């Protein structure tokens, strides 16, 4: 609120046509347009040679090949050279958004002051109600359930899996349909487990010699 009022006071004190920044950019473009060459073409078009680069300018559509005029609304160096060659003013080709009048209209209304909530008018309405209570954890519900396996059914429990249609595998003979407790075959000794850690040198030599003999 205070910032808008200060800006409006600054604008009221300006006596120029454009803002200070816009005037500085215009003077910069006019000063830099002296070292380029200009060639005329048909339909109010021009070609500007700036070093090794050639830029085209169309005064009817207000476009330049460097695209600076279209982006900023202020004529660039190439356009300023054309305008000076036509003995016209560069300020006449600047968009109206940089004028002091538009700046005044921007901060004319500003932001109005607001009284404290103790002085707000009271109405016979209900206050802000809390959100409705819902069961479960907050957040969006999960619509993508975990994909079930071939022998797994949907279960109501979140921690246990259903045993329905599960295929048992015997760890004794590796047969399906029963487990080790109900196996009628003789008990087979489990294969020896490999000892942890790196093998000794004699073991490595024995294994390598077996591979050499097999080859």
Protein backbone atom coordinates (compact mmCIF):
# COMPACT_ATOMS: atom_id res chain seq x y z
CA UNK A 1 0.00 0.00 0.00
CA UNK A 2 2.76 2.46 0.97
CA UNK A 3 4.91 1.39 -1.97
CA UNK A 4 2.13 2.14 -4.46
CA UNK A 5 1.57 5.59 -2.94
CA UNK A 6 5.30 6.40 -3.12
CA UNK A 7 5.42 5.32 -6.76
CA UNK A 8 2.46 7.54 -7.59
CA UNK A 9 4.15 10.53 -5.93
CA UNK A 10 7.29 9.89 -8.02
CA UNK A 11 5.22 9.73 -11.22
CA UNK A 12 3.42 12.98 -10.39
CA UNK A 13 6.78 14.77 -10.17
CA UNK A 14 7.95 13.62 -13.62
CA UNK A 15 7.69 16.14 -16.44
CA UNK A 16 9.08 13.90 -19.22
CA UNK A 17 7.14 11.91 -21.79
CA UNK A 18 8.66 8.55 -20.87
CA UNK A 19 10.09 7.04 -17.71
CA UNK A 20 13.74 7.54 -16.79
CA UNK A 21 14.73 4.00 -17.75
CA UNK A 22 12.95 4.26 -21.11
CA UNK A 23 14.67 7.57 -21.86
CA UNK A 24 18.05 6.05 -21.03
CA UNK A 25 17.44 3.10 -23.41
CA UNK A 26 16.28 5.43 -26.20
CA UNK A 27 19.37 7.63 -25.89
CA UNK A 28 21.57 4.54 -25.87
CA UNK A 29 20.04 3.26 -29.11
CA UNK A 30 20.43 6.66 -30.80
CA UNK A 31 24.08 6.94 -29.78
CA UNK A 32 24.91 3.42 -31.03
CA UNK A 33 23.29 3.81 -34.45
CA UNK A 34 26.05 5.92 -35.97
CA UNK A 35 28.49 3.23 -37.09
CA UNK A 36 26.19 1.11 -39.30
CA UNK A 37 25.30 1.21 -43.00
CA UNK A 38 21.74 1.39 -44.35
CA UNK A 39 20.24 0.33 -47.69
CA UNK A 40 16.67 1.02 -48.76
CA UNK A 41 14.31 -1.51 -50.32
CA UNK A 42 10.73 -1.56 -51.55
CA UNK A 43 7.64 -1.37 -49.27
CA UNK A 44 9.40 0.56 -46.50
CA UNK A 45 11.94 -2.18 -45.82
CA UNK A 46 15.64 -1.71 -45.09
CA UNK A 47 18.82 -3.74 -44.78
CA UNK A 48 21.31 -2.78 -42.08
CA UNK A 49 24.92 -3.92 -42.22
CA UNK A 50 26.54 -4.16 -38.78
CA UNK A 51 29.99 -5.64 -39.26
CA UNK A 52 29.69 -9.09 -40.78
CA UNK A 53 25.98 -9.37 -39.92
CA UNK A 54 23.10 -8.11 -42.10
CA UNK A 55 19.75 -7.37 -40.42
CA UNK A 56 16.43 -6.60 -42.14
CA UNK A 57 14.01 -3.97 -40.80
CA UNK A 58 10.32 -3.69 -41.76
CA UNK A 59 8.88 -0.34 -40.71
CA UNK A 60 5.34 -1.20 -41.77
CA UNK A 61 5.04 -4.21 -39.44
CA UNK A 62 7.42 -2.75 -36.81
CA UNK A 63 9.77 -5.73 -36.87
CA UNK A 64 13.54 -6.15 -36.85
CA UNK A 65 15.69 -9.18 -37.55
CA UNK A 66 17.32 -8.99 -34.10
CA UNK A 67 13.81 -9.30 -32.49
CA UNK A 68 14.70 -6.72 -29.82
CA UNK A 69 12.12 -4.22 -31.06
CA UNK A 70 9.34 -6.82 -30.88
CA UNK A 71 10.35 -7.99 -27.40
CA UNK A 72 10.95 -4.67 -25.63
CA UNK A 73 8.80 -2.23 -27.57
CA UNK A 74 11.74 0.20 -27.84
CA UNK A 75 13.45 0.60 -31.25
CA UNK A 76 16.81 -1.12 -31.40
CA UNK A 77 20.01 0.26 -32.94
CA UNK A 78 19.07 -0.91 -36.44
CA UNK A 79 15.60 0.67 -36.28
CA UNK A 80 17.01 3.86 -34.77
CA UNK A 81 19.36 4.17 -37.75
CA UNK A 82 16.40 3.91 -40.14
CA UNK A 83 14.32 6.44 -38.19
CA UNK A 84 17.18 8.95 -38.04
CA UNK A 85 17.76 8.49 -41.79
CA UNK A 86 14.10 9.32 -42.41
CA UNK A 87 14.55 12.49 -40.26
CA UNK A 88 11.95 11.35 -37.73
CA UNK A 89 11.97 11.00 -33.94
CA UNK A 90 12.77 7.66 -32.31
CA UNK A 91 10.37 8.48 -29.44
CA UNK A 92 7.42 8.30 -31.85
CA UNK A 93 8.05 4.56 -32.39
CA UNK A 94 8.15 3.58 -28.70
CA UNK A 95 5.10 1.76 -27.33
CA UNK A 96 2.79 3.66 -24.98
CA UNK A 97 3.49 1.36 -22.02
CA UNK A 98 6.69 3.32 -21.27
CA UNK A 99 4.93 6.70 -21.05
CA UNK A 100 4.50 8.58 -17.81
CA UNK A 101 0.73 8.65 -18.36
CA UNK A 102 0.51 4.83 -18.29
CA UNK A 103 2.64 4.78 -15.13
CA UNK A 104 0.19 7.16 -13.49
CA UNK A 105 -2.76 4.95 -14.43
CA UNK A 106 -0.96 1.90 -13.00
CA UNK A 107 -0.68 3.38 -9.49
CA UNK A 108 -3.79 5.59 -9.60
CA UNK A 109 -6.08 3.41 -7.46
CA UNK A 110 -3.50 1.61 -5.33
CA UNK A 111 -4.44 -0.57 -2.33
CA UNK A 112 -7.03 0.71 0.16
CA UNK A 113 -6.33 0.49 3.92
CA UNK A 114 -8.15 -2.22 5.93
CA UNK A 115 -9.47 -1.96 9.48
CA UNK A 116 -8.63 -4.53 12.14
CA UNK A 117 -10.81 -7.62 12.66
CA UNK A 118 -12.20 -6.20 15.91
CA UNK A 119 -13.97 -3.50 13.89
CA UNK A 120 -15.34 -5.81 11.23
CA UNK A 121 -19.16 -5.86 10.96
CA UNK A 122 -20.80 -8.85 12.64
CA UNK A 123 -23.32 -11.01 10.78
CA UNK A 124 -25.70 -13.70 12.04
CA UNK A 125 -24.01 -16.56 10.25
CA UNK A 126 -22.12 -19.64 11.26
CA UNK A 127 -18.39 -19.41 11.50
CA UNK A 128 -15.93 -21.49 9.56
CA UNK A 129 -16.76 -25.16 10.18
CA UNK A 130 -14.05 -27.80 10.58
CA UNK A 131 -13.64 -30.38 7.82
CA UNK A 132 -15.81 -33.51 8.12
CA UNK A 133 -14.38 -36.47 9.99
CA UNK A 134 -13.33 -39.45 7.89
CA UNK A 135 -12.14 -42.90 8.79
CA UNK A 136 -8.55 -43.82 8.03
CA UNK A 137 -5.37 -41.91 7.51
CA UNK A 138 -5.47 -38.52 5.78
CA UNK A 139 -4.47 -38.19 2.17
CA UNK A 140 -5.57 -39.55 -1.14
CA UNK A 141 -6.81 -43.18 -1.02
CA UNK A 142 -4.70 -45.79 -2.79
CA UNK A 143 -6.48 -46.95 -5.95
CA UNK A 144 -3.68 -49.18 -7.20
CA UNK A 145 -3.57 -52.36 -5.13
CA UNK A 146 -0.62 -54.72 -5.24
CA UNK A 147 -0.82 -57.27 -8.04
CA UNK A 148 -1.57 -60.73 -6.65
CA UNK A 149 0.44 -63.81 -7.57
CA UNK A 150 -0.91 -66.95 -9.27
CA UNK A 151 -1.83 -68.85 -6.09
CA UNK A 152 -2.72 -65.82 -3.96
CA UNK A 153 -6.20 -64.58 -3.24
CA UNK A 154 -7.42 -61.29 -1.94
CA UNK A 155 -7.33 -61.25 1.84
CA UNK A 156 -8.97 -58.87 4.26
CA UNK A 157 -5.84 -58.83 6.41
CA UNK A 158 -3.10 -56.34 5.63
CA UNK A 159 -0.34 -58.34 7.38
CA UNK A 160 -1.04 -62.00 6.48
CA UNK A 161 -1.44 -63.78 3.16
CA UNK A 162 -4.19 -66.25 2.44
CA UNK A 163 -3.26 -69.99 2.33
CA UNK A 164 -6.09 -70.82 -0.05
CA UNK A 165 -4.97 -72.57 -3.28
CA UNK A 166 -1.34 -72.47 -2.15
CA UNK A 167 0.85 -75.25 -3.58
CA UNK A 168 3.12 -76.86 -0.97
CA UNK A 169 6.62 -78.02 -1.93
CA UNK A 170 8.51 -80.68 0.00
CA UNK A 171 11.99 -79.60 1.01
CA UNK A 172 13.09 -83.25 1.28
CA UNK A 173 12.47 -84.49 -2.28
CA UNK A 174 11.41 -81.19 -3.87
CA UNK A 175 7.97 -82.57 -4.77
CA UNK A 176 4.76 -80.56 -4.88
CA UNK A 177 1.56 -81.49 -3.05
CA UNK A 178 2.96 -82.02 0.47
CA UNK A 179 5.53 -80.67 2.88
CA UNK A 180 8.47 -82.25 4.69
CA UNK A 181 6.40 -83.31 7.70
CA UNK A 182 4.00 -85.34 5.55
CA UNK A 183 6.68 -86.79 3.26
CA UNK A 184 6.68 -90.64 3.14
CA UNK A 185 10.08 -90.96 1.47
CA UNK A 186 13.33 -91.44 3.29
CA UNK A 187 14.96 -88.38 4.71
CA UNK A 188 17.70 -87.08 2.51
CA UNK A 189 20.60 -85.25 4.03
CA UNK A 190 20.70 -81.61 2.94
CA UNK A 191 23.66 -80.56 0.77
CA UNK A 192 26.65 -79.20 2.58
CA UNK A 193 26.74 -75.47 2.73
CA UNK A 194 29.73 -73.57 1.51
CA UNK A 195 31.75 -72.14 4.34
CA UNK A 196 31.78 -68.40 4.68
CA UNK A 197 34.83 -66.36 3.72
CA UNK A 198 37.44 -66.80 1.02
CA UNK A 199 38.64 -70.35 0.28
CA UNK A 200 42.19 -71.38 1.15
CA UNK A 201 44.92 -71.62 -1.45
CA UNK A 202 44.94 -75.40 -1.46
CA UNK A 203 41.19 -75.46 -2.14
CA UNK A 204 41.57 -73.00 -5.02
CA UNK A 205 44.38 -75.11 -6.48
CA UNK A 206 42.29 -78.28 -6.15
CA UNK A 207 39.31 -76.71 -7.92
CA UNK A 208 41.47 -75.27 -10.70
CA UNK A 209 43.17 -78.63 -11.25
CA UNK A 210 39.80 -80.36 -11.57
CA UNK A 211 38.73 -77.83 -14.20
CA UNK A 212 42.00 -78.39 -16.07
CA UNK A 213 41.57 -82.17 -16.00
CA UNK A 214 37.96 -81.94 -17.18
CA UNK A 215 38.98 -79.70 -20.04
